[in-house]
Amino acid sequence: MGLKLKAGTDFQTIFDKARAVAPDAFDQTSIRNLIGGSWQVLGNQIEHLSPVDQQPIIGPSMLSLSQTEEAVRQAVLMDKDWSKLPLDERKSRVSKALELLAENRDLIAQFLIWEIGKPWKLACADVDRCIEGVQWYLGEIDRQMIGRTPLPGPVSNIASWNYPLSVLVHAELVQMLAGNAVIAKTPSQGGFHALTLCHALMAKAGLPVTLVSGSGSELSPALVSSPSLGALAFVGGRNNGRAAASSLRSLDKRHILEQEGLNSWGIWNYSNWSELAAHLTKGFEYAKQRCTAYPRYVVQRELFPEFLEMYLGVVKSLKFGHPLAVENENDDYPELHFGPLIGAKKATELDIAFKEAVDRGGVPLYQGKLTSGTFLAGQDTSAYVAPRTLLEPPKSWSIHHSEPFGPLDSVVLADSEAEMIAAMNVSNGNLVSSVATDDLGFAERVREESQAFKFGINAPRSRGDKAEVFGGRGASWRGCFVGGDLLVQSVTEGEGMLFGNFADGSRYPEVA
């Protein structure tokens, strides 16, 4: 017998449940935009293909620049009223929003499966991390706001599609706690159903949220460079990040621009291979479609045989496939490390990149097969990619200095500490790096030379959404650092130095 779709998880059933929860935000043929506190039918409705099986689902309603400028104008009015509310009232409304998100957690997670291909546990974790992270700020915000006032004007949020809740909604809720109205643009590649439902719940709780959809480049004058904005928070690739930075009318405008980088593991004088195998296995979650994934391994040449034995065991053990395919309709959700990539186009890009590297002299170290995945009979699998690995990728490779954002790893061999450090710093700044070593003196020397913002010793690093600061160095980050107190400081005014990675190189904190 073949695999079946888990009972009650087809997209239409989930969409109908969302319509019942938020009828103003959804109708049978469209998703609406939230402007001035009301859901409006505006823009050009487009169709979207689910990465899970390429079935057409309702896409976002794409607004024009003039419509988005009106949305910003309405958000400015909401911001003036919201900034005057007492902190206790803001806390009460944010708490209510968290209650509503928690009540609808499973529905939001099911949307994340169909829209961006997250396996069930990872989809739930995205929602849970948002809720738990903001709960931490609710307990800290009284202290954090002493002597501080919200920025004049709403905060504009433009984020990538991979973590709609734990990055985008999380940031919005903290920004509103701090006294700012917020504007969010839905990512064009996915997440708009989940974000629409979340913003309907936040609006129901009385929060000053605006949600729009459209082309980032077309809407940039309204969402990036408008003088009415208090701040810009951007999460995405370097090309779009540079475009956002160049669109800012003034670098004095508060901005938080996360622009990724190539994260690396360095392996040197190391023996605990089972521990590293566990870290690497977990690292394949969501097909490495995240800014803190580690797609590059820089390995001491003499350790390569032991590394290879460990690594091949990891990639051969990975489970991937349709996130809702089960043997019996009432089975639990399948246990997978990852499902599809964000779309068939991305899968094709990785296919081309792998072939390009091999054609230019890279060694195909491992090439998994889609037949190892779990799929429904006759299912479209064009958005899926099995793990692949290159040894000694050529320096002429088009993505040699950037993250592939998928399960395409590369291994570089090093004969000296200097070679290892240079190979780990190849992208001119990145968010996280780690070393696996029995020599702690070596680890500290590499840490000192690393261009990563966070550095791990025998363990990976993560973004962190609560008390831990997050940022980047070099081309991986621009503007204010966030996390803990700094997230609140980035959207408020008060005494003290504003920490960040700024264009003039100033105001850079010491971060362990």
Protein backbone atom coordinates (compact mmCIF):
# COMPACT_ATOMS: atom_id res chain seq x y z
CA MET A 1 0.00 0.00 0.00
CA GLY A 2 1.21 3.52 -0.83
CA LEU A 3 1.47 6.49 1.47
CA LYS A 4 -1.57 8.69 2.12
CA LEU A 5 -2.19 12.31 3.07
CA LYS A 6 -2.74 12.65 6.81
CA ALA A 7 -6.46 12.99 7.52
CA GLY A 8 -7.77 16.54 7.80
CA THR A 9 -4.59 18.21 6.57
CA ASP A 10 -5.45 18.99 2.96
CA PHE A 11 -5.00 22.66 2.15
CA GLN A 12 -8.68 23.42 1.54
CA THR A 13 -9.66 22.10 4.97
CA ILE A 14 -7.01 24.26 6.63
CA PHE A 15 -8.01 27.32 4.60
CA ASP A 16 -11.67 26.85 5.55
CA LYS A 17 -10.71 26.68 9.23
CA ALA A 18 -8.78 29.94 8.88
CA ARG A 19 -11.79 31.60 7.25
CA ALA A 20 -13.90 30.54 10.21
CA VAL A 21 -11.39 32.05 12.66
CA ALA A 22 -10.77 35.26 10.68
CA PRO A 23 -13.59 35.80 8.16
CA ASP A 24 -12.63 39.44 7.57
CA ALA A 25 -9.14 38.47 6.43
CA PHE A 26 -9.98 35.63 4.04
CA ASP A 27 -12.69 34.94 1.52
CA GLN A 28 -13.11 32.09 -0.94
CA THR A 29 -10.90 33.57 -3.64
CA SER A 30 -8.53 36.01 -1.98
CA ILE A 31 -6.39 37.04 0.96
CA ARG A 32 -6.93 40.61 2.06
CA ASN A 33 -4.52 43.33 3.17
CA LEU A 34 -4.80 44.91 6.63
CA ILE A 35 -4.75 48.71 6.33
CA GLY A 36 -5.83 51.24 8.92
CA GLY A 37 -7.29 48.52 11.13
CA SER A 38 -9.55 47.04 8.45
CA TRP A 39 -9.17 44.19 5.97
CA GLN A 40 -9.41 45.46 2.41
CA VAL A 41 -9.77 43.83 -1.00
CA LEU A 42 -7.03 45.61 -2.94
CA GLY A 43 -4.31 44.81 -5.43
CA ASN A 44 -3.91 42.11 -8.01
CA GLN A 45 -4.62 38.60 -6.77
CA ILE A 46 -1.97 36.12 -7.88
CA GLU A 47 -1.80 32.34 -7.78
CA HIS A 48 0.86 30.52 -5.80
CA LEU A 49 2.20 26.98 -6.02
CA SER A 50 2.68 25.05 -2.80
CA PRO A 51 6.25 23.73 -2.59
CA VAL A 52 4.90 20.51 -1.09
CA ASP A 53 3.34 19.22 -4.31
CA GLN A 54 3.05 22.21 -6.68
CA GLN A 55 -0.73 22.43 -6.26
CA PRO A 56 -2.11 25.94 -6.90
CA ILE A 57 -3.17 27.79 -3.76
CA ILE A 58 -4.45 31.32 -3.28
CA GLY A 59 -1.59 33.80 -3.43
CA PRO A 60 -1.26 37.30 -2.00
CA SER A 61 -3.04 40.41 -3.25
CA MET A 62 -0.18 42.52 -4.63
CA LEU A 63 -0.56 46.23 -3.88
CA SER A 64 0.64 49.15 -5.96
CA LEU A 65 2.99 51.79 -4.63
CA SER A 66 0.18 54.32 -4.17
CA GLN A 67 -1.92 51.81 -2.22
CA THR A 68 1.06 51.01 0.00
CA GLU A 69 1.77 54.69 0.59
CA GLU A 70 -1.81 55.01 1.85
CA ALA A 71 -1.22 52.00 4.13
CA VAL A 72 1.87 53.75 5.56
CA ARG A 73 -0.13 56.95 6.08
CA GLN A 74 -2.77 55.00 8.02
CA ALA A 75 -0.05 53.27 10.06
CA VAL A 76 1.40 56.66 11.02
CA LEU A 77 -1.97 57.67 12.45
CA MET A 78 -2.18 54.43 14.44
CA ASP A 79 1.37 54.96 15.68
CA LYS A 80 0.52 58.36 17.15
CA ASP A 81 -2.32 56.88 19.20
CA TRP A 82 -0.47 53.71 20.19
CA SER A 83 2.65 55.50 21.43
CA LYS A 84 0.51 57.39 23.94
CA LEU A 85 -0.95 54.25 25.54
CA PRO A 86 0.42 53.31 28.98
CA LEU A 87 2.87 50.42 28.99
CA ASP A 88 0.52 48.29 31.09
CA GLU A 89 -2.16 48.57 28.39
CA ARG A 90 0.34 47.64 25.68
CA LYS A 91 1.41 44.62 27.73
CA SER A 92 -2.21 43.56 28.21
CA ARG A 93 -2.94 43.64 24.48
CA VAL A 94 0.25 41.84 23.52
CA SER A 95 -0.55 39.17 26.13
CA LYS A 96 -4.00 38.75 24.57
CA ALA A 97 -2.42 38.36 21.14
CA LEU A 98 -0.15 35.61 22.49
CA GLU A 99 -3.18 33.81 23.91
CA LEU A 100 -4.89 33.90 20.51
CA LEU A 101 -1.73 32.70 18.73
CA ALA A 102 -1.44 29.82 21.18
CA GLU A 103 -5.09 28.86 20.68
CA ASN A 104 -4.53 28.69 16.92
CA ARG A 105 -1.01 27.28 17.00
CA ASP A 106 -1.78 24.05 15.14
CA LEU A 107 -3.68 25.85 12.38
CA ILE A 108 -0.82 28.31 11.86
CA ALA A 109 1.67 25.42 11.77
CA GLN A 110 -0.40 23.58 9.16
CA PHE A 111 -0.30 26.68 6.96
CA LEU A 112 3.48 26.74 7.34
CA ILE A 113 3.64 23.15 6.04
CA TRP A 114 1.75 23.94 2.84
CA GLU A 115 3.22 27.40 2.24
CA ILE A 116 6.91 26.94 2.99
CA GLY A 117 7.31 23.17 3.35
CA LYS A 118 8.18 22.94 7.05
CA PRO A 119 7.79 19.50 8.65
CA TRP A 120 5.26 19.46 11.47
CA LYS A 121 7.62 19.69 14.44
CA LEU A 122 9.61 22.53 12.89
CA ALA A 123 6.42 24.39 11.97
CA CYS A 124 5.16 24.10 15.54
CA ALA A 125 8.55 25.19 16.85
CA ASP A 126 8.35 28.36 14.74
CA VAL A 127 5.08 29.31 16.42
CA ASP A 128 6.19 28.23 19.90
CA ARG A 129 9.47 30.17 19.72
CA CYS A 130 7.56 33.31 18.81
CA ILE A 131 5.20 32.97 21.75
CA GLU A 132 7.87 31.98 24.29
CA GLY A 133 10.24 34.69 23.09
CA VAL A 134 7.69 37.48 23.46
CA GLN A 135 6.64 36.16 26.87
CA TRP A 136 10.22 36.78 27.99
CA TYR A 137 9.99 40.40 26.84
CA LEU A 138 6.69 40.83 28.68
CA GLY A 139 8.57 40.06 31.87
CA GLU A 140 11.45 42.41 31.04
CA ILE A 141 9.83 45.34 29.23
CA ASP A 142 9.20 47.49 32.32
CA ARG A 143 12.92 47.52 33.06
CA GLN A 144 13.88 47.86 29.40
CA MET A 145 11.68 50.94 28.85
CA ILE A 146 12.99 52.96 31.80
CA GLY A 147 14.11 56.32 30.38
CA ARG A 148 13.17 55.31 26.82
CA THR A 149 10.43 56.39 24.40
CA PRO A 150 9.24 54.83 21.14
CA LEU A 151 10.56 56.15 17.85
CA PRO A 152 8.29 58.60 16.03
CA GLY A 153 6.66 56.66 13.23
CA PRO A 154 5.83 52.99 12.63
CA VAL A 155 8.46 50.28 12.17
CA SER A 156 8.53 48.71 8.70
CA ASN A 157 9.30 44.99 8.68
CA ILE A 158 10.48 43.15 5.56
CA ALA A 159 11.51 39.57 6.25
CA SER A 160 12.34 36.40 4.37
CA TRP A 161 9.86 33.55 4.12
CA ASN A 162 11.59 30.90 6.24
CA TYR A 163 10.62 31.96 9.78
CA PRO A 164 7.37 33.98 9.58
CA LEU A 165 6.57 33.59 13.28
CA SER A 166 9.80 33.32 15.25
CA VAL A 167 11.46 36.15 13.31
CA LEU A 168 8.82 38.46 11.79
CA VAL A 169 5.81 38.24 14.13
CA HIS A 170 8.13 37.98 17.12
CA ALA A 171 9.87 41.23 16.15
CA GLU A 172 6.56 43.00 15.52
CA LEU A 173 5.17 42.07 18.94
CA VAL A 174 8.28 43.35 20.72
CA GLN A 175 8.23 46.54 18.66
CA MET A 176 4.61 47.11 19.70
CA LEU A 177 5.45 46.42 23.34
CA ALA A 178 8.02 49.20 23.03
CA GLY A 179 5.31 51.60 21.79
CA ASN A 180 5.60 51.43 18.01
CA ALA A 181 2.91 50.66 15.44
CA VAL A 182 4.17 48.12 12.89
CA ILE A 183 3.96 47.44 9.17
CA ALA A 184 4.82 44.04 7.70
CA LYS A 185 5.17 42.99 4.08
CA THR A 186 4.38 39.36 3.33
CA PRO A 187 7.25 37.49 1.65
CA SER A 188 6.47 36.87 -2.01
CA GLN A 189 7.74 33.28 -1.85
CA GLY A 190 5.41 32.07 0.90
CA GLY A 191 4.05 32.56 4.39
CA PHE A 192 1.22 34.94 3.53
CA HIS A 193 -1.62 32.69 4.74
CA ALA A 194 0.04 32.12 8.12
CA LEU A 195 0.92 35.80 8.45
CA THR A 196 -2.59 36.90 7.49
CA LEU A 197 -4.06 34.67 10.19
CA CYS A 198 -1.52 35.90 12.77
CA HIS A 199 -2.19 39.55 11.96
CA ALA A 200 -5.94 38.97 12.16
CA LEU A 201 -5.41 37.62 15.67
CA MET A 202 -3.13 40.52 16.62
CA ALA A 203 -5.66 43.02 15.29
CA LYS A 204 -8.38 41.26 17.27
CA ALA A 205 -6.28 41.84 20.39
CA GLY A 206 -6.26 45.57 19.64
CA LEU A 207 -2.73 45.89 18.29
CA PRO A 208 -1.74 48.52 15.66
CA VAL A 209 -0.69 46.16 12.85
CA THR A 210 -0.59 46.74 9.10
CA LEU A 211 -0.06 43.88 6.63
CA VAL A 212 0.57 44.42 2.93
CA SER A 213 1.72 42.34 -0.02
CA GLY A 214 3.57 43.30 -3.15
CA SER A 215 6.87 43.49 -4.97
CA GLY A 216 9.68 44.60 -2.68
CA SER A 217 11.39 46.69 -5.35
CA GLU A 218 8.15 48.42 -6.35
CA LEU A 219 7.08 49.17 -2.78
CA SER A 220 10.51 50.24 -1.56
CA PRO A 221 9.77 54.01 -1.65
CA ALA A 222 6.94 53.41 0.83
CA LEU A 223 8.32 50.61 3.00
CA VAL A 224 12.03 51.51 3.04
CA SER A 225 12.67 55.15 2.27
CA SER A 226 9.48 56.87 3.44
CA PRO A 227 10.35 59.71 5.86
CA SER A 228 7.25 58.80 7.87
CA LEU A 229 8.81 55.55 9.11
CA GLY A 230 10.48 55.29 12.49
CA ALA A 231 12.72 52.37 11.53
CA LEU A 232 13.32 49.62 8.97
CA ALA A 233 13.87 45.98 9.96
CA PHE A 234 15.02 43.79 7.06
CA VAL A 235 15.90 40.07 6.98
CA GLY A 236 17.04 38.54 3.70
CA GLY A 237 19.84 37.99 1.22
CA ARG A 238 22.70 40.35 0.55
CA ASN A 239 21.47 41.56 -2.84
CA ASN A 240 18.10 42.66 -1.47
CA GLY A 241 19.77 43.96 1.69
CA ARG A 242 22.11 46.15 -0.32
CA ALA A 243 19.16 47.43 -2.33
CA ALA A 244 17.31 48.28 0.88
CA ALA A 245 20.36 50.05 2.29
CA SER A 246 20.81 52.09 -0.88
CA SER A 247 17.11 53.06 -0.76
CA LEU A 248 17.38 54.57 2.71
CA ARG A 249 17.16 58.33 2.38
CA SER A 250 19.57 58.64 5.26
CA LEU A 251 21.66 56.10 7.14
CA ASP A 252 20.66 58.05 10.24
CA LYS A 253 17.25 56.40 9.91
CA ARG A 254 17.12 53.46 12.31
CA HIS A 255 17.75 50.29 10.35
CA ILE A 256 18.34 46.61 11.08
CA LEU A 257 19.54 44.80 7.96
CA GLU A 258 20.33 41.10 8.33
CA GLN A 259 22.03 39.97 5.13
CA GLU A 260 23.30 36.41 5.77
CA GLY A 261 26.78 35.03 5.06
CA LEU A 262 28.55 31.68 4.61
CA ASN A 263 28.69 29.96 8.02
CA SER A 264 31.41 27.35 8.56
CA TRP A 265 32.49 24.52 10.83
CA GLY A 266 36.24 24.21 11.28
CA ILE A 267 37.53 20.73 12.27
CA TRP A 268 41.07 20.53 13.69
CA ASN A 269 42.79 18.09 16.10
CA TYR A 270 39.44 16.50 16.92
CA SER A 271 38.30 13.07 18.14
CA ASN A 272 34.68 13.18 19.37
CA TRP A 273 33.05 12.22 16.06
CA SER A 274 29.78 10.94 17.52
CA GLU A 275 29.10 14.31 19.13
CA LEU A 276 29.82 16.14 15.88
CA ALA A 277 27.59 13.70 13.97
CA ALA A 278 24.67 14.61 16.22
CA HIS A 279 25.24 18.33 15.63
CA LEU A 280 25.50 17.86 11.86
CA THR A 281 22.36 15.72 11.70
CA LYS A 282 20.31 18.36 13.50
CA GLY A 283 21.89 20.98 11.25
CA PHE A 284 20.06 19.58 8.23
CA GLU A 285 16.68 20.58 9.70
CA TYR A 286 14.52 22.42 7.19
CA ALA A 287 17.04 21.56 4.45
CA LYS A 288 19.42 24.22 5.82
CA GLN A 289 17.05 26.99 4.68
CA ARG A 290 18.01 29.35 7.49
CA CYS A 291 20.57 32.05 8.13
CA THR A 292 22.35 30.07 10.86
CA ALA A 293 22.86 26.87 8.84
CA TYR A 294 26.40 25.55 8.34
CA PRO A 295 26.95 24.59 4.67
CA ARG A 296 30.79 24.79 4.65
CA TYR A 297 33.19 22.45 6.47
CA VAL A 298 36.87 23.35 6.67
CA VAL A 299 38.67 20.16 7.65
CA GLN A 300 42.27 19.49 8.67
CA ARG A 301 43.62 17.37 5.81
CA GLU A 302 44.87 14.51 7.97
CA LEU A 303 41.44 14.23 9.63
CA PHE A 304 39.56 13.97 6.36
CA PRO A 305 39.20 10.12 6.36
CA GLU A 306 37.62 10.17 9.82
CA PHE A 307 35.48 13.18 8.97
CA LEU A 308 34.27 11.51 5.78
CA GLU A 309 33.26 8.32 7.56
CA MET A 310 31.26 10.34 10.09
CA TYR A 311 29.76 12.70 7.53
CA LEU A 312 28.58 9.99 5.12
CA GLY A 313 26.84 8.26 7.99
CA VAL A 314 24.98 11.51 8.70
CA VAL A 315 23.77 12.28 5.17
CA LYS A 316 22.74 8.67 4.54
CA SER A 317 20.58 8.70 7.68
CA LEU A 318 18.57 11.81 6.80
CA LYS A 319 14.81 11.49 6.33
CA PHE A 320 13.09 13.79 3.86
CA GLY A 321 9.93 13.92 1.78
CA HIS A 322 6.28 15.05 1.77
CA PRO A 323 5.60 16.57 5.24
CA LEU A 324 2.10 15.07 5.39
CA ALA A 325 2.64 11.60 3.85
CA VAL A 326 1.77 8.77 6.27
CA GLU A 327 1.08 5.06 6.01
CA ASN A 328 -2.36 5.38 7.61
CA GLU A 329 -4.51 8.51 7.47
CA ASN A 330 -4.72 8.78 11.26
CA ASP A 331 -1.00 8.30 11.92
CA ASP A 332 1.02 11.01 13.62
CA TYR A 333 2.85 13.49 11.44
CA PRO A 334 5.94 11.95 9.81
CA GLU A 335 9.32 12.43 11.48
CA LEU A 336 11.42 14.23 8.87
CA HIS A 337 14.57 16.30 8.87
CA PHE A 338 13.22 18.30 5.94
CA GLY A 339 10.60 18.50 3.23
CA PRO A 340 10.76 20.51 0.01
CA LEU A 341 12.77 23.61 -0.71
CA ILE A 342 10.80 26.85 -0.97
CA GLY A 343 10.03 26.16 -4.64
CA ALA A 344 10.91 24.25 -7.78
CA LYS A 345 12.97 27.22 -9.00
CA LYS A 346 15.24 26.98 -5.96
CA ALA A 347 15.65 23.23 -6.45
CA THR A 348 16.68 23.83 -10.05
CA GLU A 349 19.17 26.49 -8.95
CA LEU A 350 20.87 24.03 -6.61
CA ASP A 351 20.96 21.38 -9.35
CA ILE A 352 22.67 23.87 -11.65
CA ALA A 353 25.08 25.01 -8.92
CA PHE A 354 26.15 21.44 -8.14
CA LYS A 355 26.77 20.65 -11.80
CA GLU A 356 28.66 23.92 -12.29
CA ALA A 357 31.02 23.14 -9.40
CA VAL A 358 31.73 19.64 -10.71
CA ASP A 359 32.29 20.92 -14.24
CA ARG A 360 34.86 23.38 -12.87
CA GLY A 361 36.83 20.75 -10.97
CA GLY A 362 34.99 20.19 -7.69
CA VAL A 363 34.75 16.56 -6.52
CA PRO A 364 31.20 15.19 -6.07
CA LEU A 365 31.66 13.72 -2.60
CA TYR A 366 28.04 12.66 -2.10
CA GLN A 367 24.90 12.84 -4.23
CA GLY A 368 21.70 11.63 -2.64
CA LYS A 369 18.72 10.41 -4.61
CA LEU A 370 15.09 11.52 -4.45
CA THR A 371 14.13 7.84 -4.40
CA SER A 372 15.31 7.85 -0.77
CA GLY A 373 12.51 10.26 0.14
CA THR A 374 8.94 9.50 1.18
CA PHE A 375 6.32 10.74 -1.28
CA LEU A 376 2.74 10.17 -2.33
CA ALA A 377 2.19 8.14 -5.48
CA GLY A 378 2.40 10.37 -8.56
CA GLN A 379 3.31 13.44 -6.49
CA ASP A 380 5.16 16.33 -8.10
CA THR A 381 8.61 16.38 -6.46
CA SER A 382 10.16 19.24 -8.43
CA ALA A 383 10.79 21.32 -5.27
CA TYR A 384 12.71 18.55 -3.49
CA VAL A 385 16.48 18.08 -3.44
CA ALA A 386 18.36 15.19 -1.83
CA PRO A 387 21.56 16.10 0.08
CA ARG A 388 24.65 16.75 -2.02
CA THR A 389 28.23 17.49 -1.07
CA LEU A 390 31.25 18.85 -2.91
CA LEU A 391 34.90 18.39 -2.01
CA GLU A 392 37.21 21.31 -2.78
CA PRO A 393 34.68 23.52 -4.58
CA PRO A 394 36.43 25.70 -7.19
CA LYS A 395 37.03 29.31 -6.23
CA SER A 396 35.35 30.29 -9.52
CA TRP A 397 32.11 28.66 -8.32
CA SER A 398 29.27 31.18 -8.47
CA ILE A 399 28.28 30.50 -4.84
CA HIS A 400 31.75 29.81 -3.42
CA HIS A 401 31.44 32.86 -1.17
CA SER A 402 27.72 32.70 -0.33
CA GLU A 403 25.27 30.37 1.36
CA PRO A 404 23.39 27.94 -0.94
CA PHE A 405 20.29 28.02 1.30
CA GLY A 406 19.63 24.33 0.78
CA PRO A 407 21.12 20.86 1.43
CA LEU A 408 24.23 21.50 -0.68
CA ASP A 409 27.37 21.23 1.45
CA SER A 410 30.99 21.85 0.55
CA VAL A 411 34.19 20.62 2.18
CA VAL A 412 37.50 22.48 2.03
CA LEU A 413 40.75 20.89 3.25
CA ALA A 414 43.25 22.93 5.26
CA ASP A 415 46.91 22.26 6.11
CA SER A 416 47.46 25.12 8.57
CA GLU A 417 45.58 27.31 11.02
CA ALA A 418 46.00 30.25 8.66
CA GLU A 419 44.38 28.32 5.80
CA MET A 420 41.52 27.28 8.05
CA ILE A 421 40.83 30.81 9.25
CA ALA A 422 40.93 32.20 5.70
CA ALA A 423 38.55 29.51 4.45
CA MET A 424 36.13 30.08 7.32
CA ASN A 425 36.09 33.85 6.67
CA VAL A 426 35.56 33.56 2.92
CA SER A 427 32.26 35.48 2.79
CA ASN A 428 33.43 38.77 4.37
CA GLY A 429 31.33 38.46 7.48
CA ASN A 430 28.80 35.89 8.61
CA LEU A 431 26.39 35.29 11.44
CA VAL A 432 27.75 32.12 13.09
CA SER A 433 30.81 29.88 12.95
CA SER A 434 32.03 26.97 15.04
CA VAL A 435 35.08 24.80 15.49
CA ALA A 436 35.27 21.13 16.48
CA THR A 437 38.55 20.59 18.28
CA ASP A 438 40.18 18.98 21.31
CA ASP A 439 42.61 21.93 21.45
CA LEU A 440 40.92 24.81 23.26
CA GLY A 441 43.90 27.05 22.64
CA PHE A 442 43.37 26.58 18.91
CA ALA A 443 39.68 27.36 19.36
CA GLU A 444 40.42 30.66 21.09
CA ARG A 445 42.90 31.67 18.37
CA VAL A 446 40.33 31.02 15.66
CA ARG A 447 37.63 32.85 17.63
CA GLU A 448 39.85 35.91 17.76
CA GLU A 449 40.26 35.91 13.97
CA SER A 450 36.72 34.85 13.06
CA GLN A 451 34.45 37.26 11.19
CA ALA A 452 31.37 35.53 12.60
CA PHE A 453 29.25 37.41 15.11
CA LYS A 454 28.64 34.29 17.21
CA PHE A 455 31.29 31.63 17.65
CA GLY A 456 30.82 28.10 18.96
CA ILE A 457 33.36 25.64 20.36
CA ASN A 458 32.31 22.02 19.80
CA ALA A 459 28.72 23.22 19.40
CA PRO A 460 26.71 25.17 16.82
CA ARG A 461 25.40 28.68 17.46
CA SER A 462 21.88 29.94 16.81
CA ARG A 463 20.06 33.21 16.28
CA GLY A 464 18.61 33.47 19.78
CA ASP A 465 15.35 35.33 20.40
CA LYS A 466 15.35 36.08 24.11
CA ALA A 467 18.23 37.43 26.15
CA GLU A 468 20.93 36.73 23.57
CA VAL A 469 22.17 39.50 21.31
CA PHE A 470 22.13 38.87 17.57
CA GLY A 471 23.90 40.66 14.75
CA GLY A 472 26.67 40.22 12.23
CA ARG A 473 29.93 41.55 10.95
CA GLY A 474 31.16 42.74 7.58
CA ALA A 475 28.60 42.32 4.80
CA SER A 476 26.36 40.05 6.90
CA TRP A 477 24.67 42.85 8.86
CA ARG A 478 24.05 46.59 8.76
CA GLY A 479 22.66 48.89 11.41
CA CYS A 480 21.40 48.13 14.91
CA PHE A 481 22.03 44.87 16.72
CA VAL A 482 18.99 43.14 18.20
CA GLY A 483 18.15 40.62 20.89
CA GLY A 484 17.37 41.21 24.54
CA ASP A 485 17.72 44.83 25.59
CA LEU A 486 19.20 45.78 22.22
CA LEU A 487 16.03 44.77 20.36
CA VAL A 488 14.06 47.25 22.46
CA GLN A 489 16.77 49.90 22.17
CA SER A 490 16.80 49.56 18.37
CA VAL A 491 13.21 50.89 18.16
CA THR A 492 13.29 53.41 21.03
CA GLU A 493 15.14 56.56 21.98
CA GLY A 494 16.98 57.16 25.23
CA GLU A 495 20.34 57.60 26.84
CA GLY A 496 23.27 55.38 26.02
CA MET A 497 25.13 54.15 22.97
CA LEU A 498 23.20 52.44 20.20
CA PHE A 499 25.11 49.26 19.38
CA GLY A 500 25.43 47.95 15.86
CA ASN A 501 27.46 47.35 12.72
CA PHE A 502 27.28 50.77 11.13
CA ALA A 503 28.73 52.05 7.89
CA ASP A 504 31.41 54.11 9.65
CA GLY A 505 32.51 51.15 11.77
CA SER A 506 31.57 52.87 15.04
CA ARG A 507 29.50 51.71 18.00
CA TYR A 508 30.53 48.09 17.84
CA PRO A 509 30.00 46.17 21.11
CA GLU A 510 32.15 43.43 22.51
CA VAL A 511 30.11 40.24 22.13
CA ALA A 512 31.32 36.84 23.36
